Amino acid sequence: MAKYKLTDTAYLAERLLAPGEVVEVADTVVPGPHMNPVDDAARRAVKAAGNRMVRIDPVEAIIA
């Protein structure tokens, strides 16, 4: 599991989360630019994601 600190509002695991919250997600999750890595697993995921890291509007994620 990889840990990230959110820099913006996010919708993850059917929850609306506030900036500053720390979340833990599967290592296979492609992190977004609003997710700052907290541990080594997250840093590896950010490096692997490269240019696939895209900003998704949290409200649109709820509606989709």
PDB file of N, CA and C in Angstrom:
ATOM      1  N   MET A   1       0.837  -1.180   0.000  1.00  0.00           N
ATOM      2  CA  MET A   1       0.000   0.000   0.000  1.00  0.00           C
ATOM      3  C   MET A   1       0.884   1.246   0.000  1.00  0.00           C
ATOM      4  N   ALA A   2       0.439   2.259  -0.739  1.00  0.00           N
ATOM      5  CA  ALA A   2       1.185   3.512  -0.856  1.00  0.00           C
ATOM      6  C   ALA A   2       0.420   4.628  -0.143  1.00  0.00           C
ATOM      7  N   LYS A   3       1.159   5.513   0.517  1.00  0.00           N
ATOM      8  CA  LYS A   3       0.537   6.612   1.255  1.00  0.00           C
ATOM      9  C   LYS A   3       0.826   7.942   0.576  1.00  0.00           C
ATOM     10  N   TYR A   4      -0.232   8.769   0.486  1.00  0.00           N
ATOM     11  CA  TYR A   4      -0.145  10.078  -0.141  1.00  0.00           C
ATOM     12  C   TYR A   4      -0.816  11.131   0.739  1.00  0.00           C
ATOM     13  N   LYS A   5      -0.295  12.353   0.680  1.00  0.00           N
ATOM     14  CA  LYS A   5      -0.951  13.485   1.314  1.00  0.00           C
ATOM     15  C   LYS A   5      -1.609  14.283   0.190  1.00  0.00           C
ATOM     16  N   LEU A   6      -2.903  14.547   0.336  1.00  0.00           N
ATOM     17  CA  LEU A   6      -3.654  15.247  -0.696  1.00  0.00           C
ATOM     18  C   LEU A   6      -3.384  16.749  -0.655  1.00  0.00           C
ATOM     19  N   THR A   7      -3.207  17.339  -1.835  1.00  0.00           N
ATOM     20  CA  THR A   7      -3.001  18.783  -1.925  1.00  0.00           C
ATOM     21  C   THR A   7      -4.260  19.494  -2.398  1.00  0.00           C
ATOM     22  N   ASP A   8      -5.281  18.721  -2.758  1.00  0.00           N
ATOM     23  CA  ASP A   8      -6.538  19.270  -3.255  1.00  0.00           C
ATOM     24  C   ASP A   8      -7.653  18.302  -2.870  1.00  0.00           C
ATOM     25  N   THR A   9      -8.885  18.749  -2.992  1.00  0.00           N
ATOM     26  CA  THR A   9     -10.030  17.883  -2.735  1.00  0.00           C
ATOM     27  C   THR A   9      -9.971  16.690  -3.680  1.00  0.00           C
ATOM     28  N   ALA A  10     -10.296  15.509  -3.169  1.00  0.00           N
ATOM     29  CA  ALA A  10     -10.248  14.299  -3.984  1.00  0.00           C
ATOM     30  C   ALA A  10     -11.430  13.399  -3.639  1.00  0.00           C
ATOM     31  N   TYR A  11     -11.829  12.596  -4.600  1.00  0.00           N
ATOM     32  CA  TYR A  11     -12.870  11.594  -4.399  1.00  0.00           C
ATOM     33  C   TYR A  11     -12.221  10.233  -4.590  1.00  0.00           C
ATOM     34  N   LEU A  12     -12.012   9.522  -3.482  1.00  0.00           N
ATOM     35  CA  LEU A  12     -11.369   8.211  -3.501  1.00  0.00           C
ATOM     36  C   LEU A  12     -12.170   7.248  -2.642  1.00  0.00           C
ATOM     37  N   ALA A  13     -12.307   6.032  -3.113  1.00  0.00           N
ATOM     38  CA  ALA A  13     -13.000   4.987  -2.353  1.00  0.00           C
ATOM     39  C   ALA A  13     -14.374   5.462  -1.884  1.00  0.00           C
ATOM     40  N   GLU A  14     -15.074   6.124  -2.798  1.00  0.00           N
ATOM     41  CA  GLU A  14     -16.439   6.607  -2.542  1.00  0.00           C
ATOM     42  C   GLU A  14     -16.514   7.584  -1.373  1.00  0.00           C
ATOM     43  N   ARG A  15     -15.422   8.349  -1.171  1.00  0.00           N
ATOM     44  CA  ARG A  15     -15.390   9.377  -0.120  1.00  0.00           C
ATOM     45  C   ARG A  15     -14.824  10.659  -0.700  1.00  0.00           C
ATOM     46  N   LEU A  16     -15.395  11.791  -0.301  1.00  0.00           N
ATOM     47  CA  LEU A  16     -14.860  13.090  -0.671  1.00  0.00           C
ATOM     48  C   LEU A  16     -13.869  13.492   0.415  1.00  0.00           C
ATOM     49  N   LEU A  17     -12.625  13.693   0.039  1.00  0.00           N
ATOM     50  CA  LEU A  17     -11.550  13.940   0.995  1.00  0.00           C
ATOM     51  C   LEU A  17     -11.009  15.356   0.839  1.00  0.00           C
ATOM     52  N   ALA A  18     -10.574  15.940   1.937  1.00  0.00           N
ATOM     53  CA  ALA A  18     -10.099  17.321   1.967  1.00  0.00           C
ATOM     54  C   ALA A  18      -8.585  17.386   1.773  1.00  0.00           C
ATOM     55  N   PRO A  19      -8.103  18.529   1.295  1.00  0.00           N
ATOM     56  CA  PRO A  19      -6.657  18.722   1.199  1.00  0.00           C
ATOM     57  C   PRO A  19      -6.007  18.532   2.567  1.00  0.00           C
ATOM     58  N   GLY A  20      -4.822  17.939   2.580  1.00  0.00           N
ATOM     59  CA  GLY A  20      -4.100  17.697   3.823  1.00  0.00           C
ATOM     60  C   GLY A  20      -4.309  16.308   4.395  1.00  0.00           C
ATOM     61  N   GLU A  21      -5.370  15.630   3.958  1.00  0.00           N
ATOM     62  CA  GLU A  21      -5.603  14.270   4.460  1.00  0.00           C
ATOM     63  C   GLU A  21      -4.563  13.316   3.875  1.00  0.00           C
ATOM     64  N   VAL A  22      -4.185  12.325   4.656  1.00  0.00           N
ATOM     65  CA  VAL A  22      -3.270  11.282   4.196  1.00  0.00           C
ATOM     66  C   VAL A  22      -4.112  10.052   3.882  1.00  0.00           C
ATOM     67  N   VAL A  23      -3.914   9.514   2.676  1.00  0.00           N
ATOM     68  CA  VAL A  23      -4.670   8.347   2.241  1.00  0.00           C
ATOM     69  C   VAL A  23      -3.710   7.214   1.921  1.00  0.00           C
ATOM     70  N   GLU A  24      -4.203   5.998   2.050  1.00  0.00           N
ATOM     71  CA  GLU A  24      -3.423   4.814   1.710  1.00  0.00           C
ATOM     72  C   GLU A  24      -4.193   4.066   0.627  1.00  0.00           C
ATOM     73  N   VAL A  25      -3.521   3.829  -0.497  1.00  0.00           N
ATOM     74  CA  VAL A  25      -4.151   3.162  -1.638  1.00  0.00           C
ATOM     75  C   VAL A  25      -3.258   2.032  -2.128  1.00  0.00           C
ATOM     76  N   ALA A  26      -3.815   1.163  -2.934  1.00  0.00           N
ATOM     77  CA  ALA A  26      -3.045   0.049  -3.505  1.00  0.00           C
ATOM     78  C   ALA A  26      -1.889   0.589  -4.337  1.00  0.00           C
ATOM     79  N   ASP A  27      -0.799  -0.139  -4.351  1.00  0.00           N
ATOM     80  CA  ASP A  27       0.383   0.264  -5.122  1.00  0.00           C
ATOM     81  C   ASP A  27       0.079   0.383  -6.615  1.00  0.00           C
ATOM     82  N   THR A  28      -0.962  -0.262  -7.085  1.00  0.00           N
ATOM     83  CA  THR A  28      -1.305  -0.253  -8.504  1.00  0.00           C
ATOM     84  C   THR A  28      -2.090   0.992  -8.923  1.00  0.00           C
ATOM     85  N   VAL A  29      -2.554   1.796  -7.971  1.00  0.00           N
ATOM     86  CA  VAL A  29      -3.305   3.011  -8.286  1.00  0.00           C
ATOM     87  C   VAL A  29      -2.360   4.018  -8.935  1.00  0.00           C
ATOM     88  N   VAL A  30      -2.798   4.614 -10.065  1.00  0.00           N
ATOM     89  CA  VAL A  30      -2.017   5.669 -10.704  1.00  0.00           C
ATOM     90  C   VAL A  30      -2.320   6.961  -9.964  1.00  0.00           C
ATOM     91  N   PRO A  31      -1.326   7.539  -9.295  1.00  0.00           N
ATOM     92  CA  PRO A  31      -1.572   8.743  -8.512  1.00  0.00           C
ATOM     93  C   PRO A  31      -1.833   9.955  -9.396  1.00  0.00           C
ATOM     94  N   GLY A  32      -2.586  10.893  -8.852  1.00  0.00           N
ATOM     95  CA  GLY A  32      -2.830  12.146  -9.555  1.00  0.00           C
ATOM     96  C   GLY A  32      -1.884  13.225  -9.055  1.00  0.00           C
ATOM     97  N   PRO A  33      -1.846  14.358  -9.738  1.00  0.00           N
ATOM     98  CA  PRO A  33      -0.939  15.435  -9.344  1.00  0.00           C
ATOM     99  C   PRO A  33      -1.300  16.057  -7.999  1.00  0.00           C
ATOM    100  N   HIS A  34      -2.476  15.746  -7.488  1.00  0.00           N
ATOM    101  CA  HIS A  34      -2.924  16.247  -6.183  1.00  0.00           C
ATOM    102  C   HIS A  34      -2.526  15.307  -5.045  1.00  0.00           C
ATOM    103  N   MET A  35      -1.716  14.294  -5.361  1.00  0.00           N
ATOM    104  CA  MET A  35      -1.308  13.296  -4.378  1.00  0.00           C
ATOM    105  C   MET A  35       0.203  13.347  -4.195  1.00  0.00           C
ATOM    106  N   ASN A  36       0.667  13.874  -3.059  1.00  0.00           N
ATOM    107  CA  ASN A  36       2.100  13.925  -2.759  1.00  0.00           C
ATOM    108  C   ASN A  36       2.511  12.646  -2.040  1.00  0.00           C
ATOM    109  N   PRO A  37       3.539  11.974  -2.551  1.00  0.00           N
ATOM    110  CA  PRO A  37       3.966  10.714  -1.932  1.00  0.00           C
ATOM    111  C   PRO A  37       4.504  10.927  -0.520  1.00  0.00           C
ATOM    112  N   VAL A  38       4.127  10.003   0.372  1.00  0.00           N
ATOM    113  CA  VAL A  38       4.560  10.063   1.770  1.00  0.00           C
ATOM    114  C   VAL A  38       5.583   8.965   2.062  1.00  0.00           C
ATOM    115  N   ASP A  39       5.491   7.844   1.355  1.00  0.00           N
ATOM    116  CA  ASP A  39       6.399   6.727   1.617  1.00  0.00           C
ATOM    117  C   ASP A  39       7.065   6.250   0.324  1.00  0.00           C
ATOM    118  N   ASP A  40       7.953   5.277   0.453  1.00  0.00           N
ATOM    119  CA  ASP A  40       8.700   4.782  -0.702  1.00  0.00           C
ATOM    120  C   ASP A  40       7.795   4.154  -1.755  1.00  0.00           C
ATOM    121  N   ALA A  41       6.769   3.434  -1.336  1.00  0.00           N
ATOM    122  CA  ALA A  41       5.853   2.811  -2.300  1.00  0.00           C
ATOM    123  C   ALA A  41       5.170   3.879  -3.150  1.00  0.00           C
ATOM    124  N   ALA A  42       4.779   4.968  -2.527  1.00  0.00           N
ATOM    125  CA  ALA A  42       4.133   6.060  -3.256  1.00  0.00           C
ATOM    126  C   ALA A  42       5.120   6.752  -4.195  1.00  0.00           C
ATOM    127  N   ARG A  43       6.350   6.947  -3.744  1.00  0.00           N
ATOM    128  CA  ARG A  43       7.358   7.568  -4.607  1.00  0.00           C
ATOM    129  C   ARG A  43       7.628   6.706  -5.849  1.00  0.00           C
ATOM    130  N   ARG A  44       7.649   5.392  -5.669  1.00  0.00           N
ATOM    131  CA  ARG A  44       7.832   4.486  -6.818  1.00  0.00           C
ATOM    132  C   ARG A  44       6.642   4.598  -7.777  1.00  0.00           C
ATOM    133  N   ALA A  45       5.433   4.685  -7.229  1.00  0.00           N
ATOM    134  CA  ALA A  45       4.237   4.780  -8.069  1.00  0.00           C
ATOM    135  C   ALA A  45       4.220   6.087  -8.854  1.00  0.00           C
ATOM    136  N   VAL A  46       4.635   7.189  -8.230  1.00  0.00           N
ATOM    137  CA  VAL A  46       4.688   8.478  -8.927  1.00  0.00           C
ATOM    138  C   VAL A  46       5.705   8.402 -10.067  1.00  0.00           C
ATOM    139  N   LYS A  47       6.868   7.827  -9.793  1.00  0.00           N
ATOM    140  CA  LYS A  47       7.896   7.700 -10.827  1.00  0.00           C
ATOM    141  C   LYS A  47       7.394   6.826 -11.983  1.00  0.00           C
ATOM    142  N   ALA A  48       6.731   5.723 -11.658  1.00  0.00           N
ATOM    143  CA  ALA A  48       6.218   4.820 -12.690  1.00  0.00           C
ATOM    144  C   ALA A  48       5.095   5.459 -13.500  1.00  0.00           C
ATOM    145  N   ALA A  49       4.286   6.305 -12.856  1.00  0.00           N
ATOM    146  CA  ALA A  49       3.149   6.934 -13.541  1.00  0.00           C
ATOM    147  C   ALA A  49       3.620   7.949 -14.577  1.00  0.00           C
ATOM    148  N   GLY A  50       4.702   8.660 -14.275  1.00  0.00           N
ATOM    149  CA  GLY A  50       5.233   9.639 -15.229  1.00  0.00           C
ATOM    150  C   GLY A  50       4.169  10.594 -15.720  1.00  0.00           C
ATOM    151  N   ASN A  51       3.993  10.667 -17.028  1.00  0.00           N
ATOM    152  CA  ASN A  51       3.035  11.610 -17.615  1.00  0.00           C
ATOM    153  C   ASN A  51       1.595  11.098 -17.614  1.00  0.00           C
ATOM    154  N   ARG A  52       1.346   9.953 -17.002  1.00  0.00           N
ATOM    155  CA  ARG A  52      -0.036   9.455 -16.905  1.00  0.00           C
ATOM    156  C   ARG A  52      -0.787  10.106 -15.746  1.00  0.00           C
ATOM    157  N   MET A  53      -0.091  10.897 -14.928  1.00  0.00           N
ATOM    158  CA  MET A  53      -0.728  11.566 -13.793  1.00  0.00           C
ATOM    159  C   MET A  53      -1.577  12.723 -14.334  1.00  0.00           C
ATOM    160  N   VAL A  54      -2.890  12.597 -14.211  1.00  0.00           N
ATOM    161  CA  VAL A  54      -3.787  13.630 -14.725  1.00  0.00           C
ATOM    162  C   VAL A  54      -4.689  14.138 -13.612  1.00  0.00           C
ATOM    163  N   ARG A  55      -5.120  15.375 -13.734  1.00  0.00           N
ATOM    164  CA  ARG A  55      -6.026  15.998 -12.765  1.00  0.00           C
ATOM    165  C   ARG A  55      -7.446  15.613 -13.131  1.00  0.00           C
ATOM    166  N   ILE A  56      -8.176  15.057 -12.168  1.00  0.00           N
ATOM    167  CA  ILE A  56      -9.581  14.691 -12.358  1.00  0.00           C
ATOM    168  C   ILE A  56     -10.403  15.488 -11.363  1.00  0.00           C
ATOM    169  N   ASP A  57     -11.428  16.173 -11.840  1.00  0.00           N
ATOM    170  CA  ASP A  57     -12.295  16.936 -10.974  1.00  0.00           C
ATOM    171  C   ASP A  57     -13.047  15.991 -10.046  1.00  0.00           C
ATOM    172  N   PRO A  58     -12.985  16.199  -8.718  1.00  0.00           N
ATOM    173  CA  PRO A  58     -13.629  15.264  -7.782  1.00  0.00           C
ATOM    174  C   PRO A  58     -15.139  15.183  -7.958  1.00  0.00           C
ATOM    175  N   VAL A  59     -15.783  16.272  -8.339  1.00  0.00           N
ATOM    176  CA  VAL A  59     -17.237  16.249  -8.543  1.00  0.00           C
ATOM    177  C   VAL A  59     -17.563  15.408  -9.781  1.00  0.00           C
ATOM    178  N   GLU A  60     -16.783  15.567 -10.845  1.00  0.00           N
ATOM    179  CA  GLU A  60     -16.998  14.760 -12.032  1.00  0.00           C
ATOM    180  C   GLU A  60     -16.782  13.286 -11.730  1.00  0.00           C
ATOM    181  N   ALA A  61     -15.846  12.966 -10.853  1.00  0.00           N
ATOM    182  CA  ALA A  61     -15.591  11.577 -10.492  1.00  0.00           C
ATOM    183  C   ALA A  61     -16.801  10.965  -9.773  1.00  0.00           C
ATOM    184  N   ILE A  62     -17.494  11.767  -8.991  1.00  0.00           N
ATOM    185  CA  ILE A  62     -18.682  11.290  -8.279  1.00  0.00           C
ATOM    186  C   ILE A  62     -19.805  11.004  -9.272  1.00  0.00           C
ATOM    187  N   ILE A  63     -19.979  11.885 -10.246  1.00  0.00           N
ATOM    188  CA  ILE A  63     -21.072  11.788 -11.211  1.00  0.00           C
ATOM    189  C   ILE A  63     -20.832  10.658 -12.203  1.00  0.00           C
ATOM    190  N   ALA A  64     -19.570  10.433 -12.564  1.00  0.00           N
ATOM    191  CA  ALA A  64     -19.229   9.447 -13.612  1.00  0.00           C
ATOM    192  C   ALA A  64     -19.551   8.038 -13.226  1.00  0.00           C
TER     193      ALA A  64
END
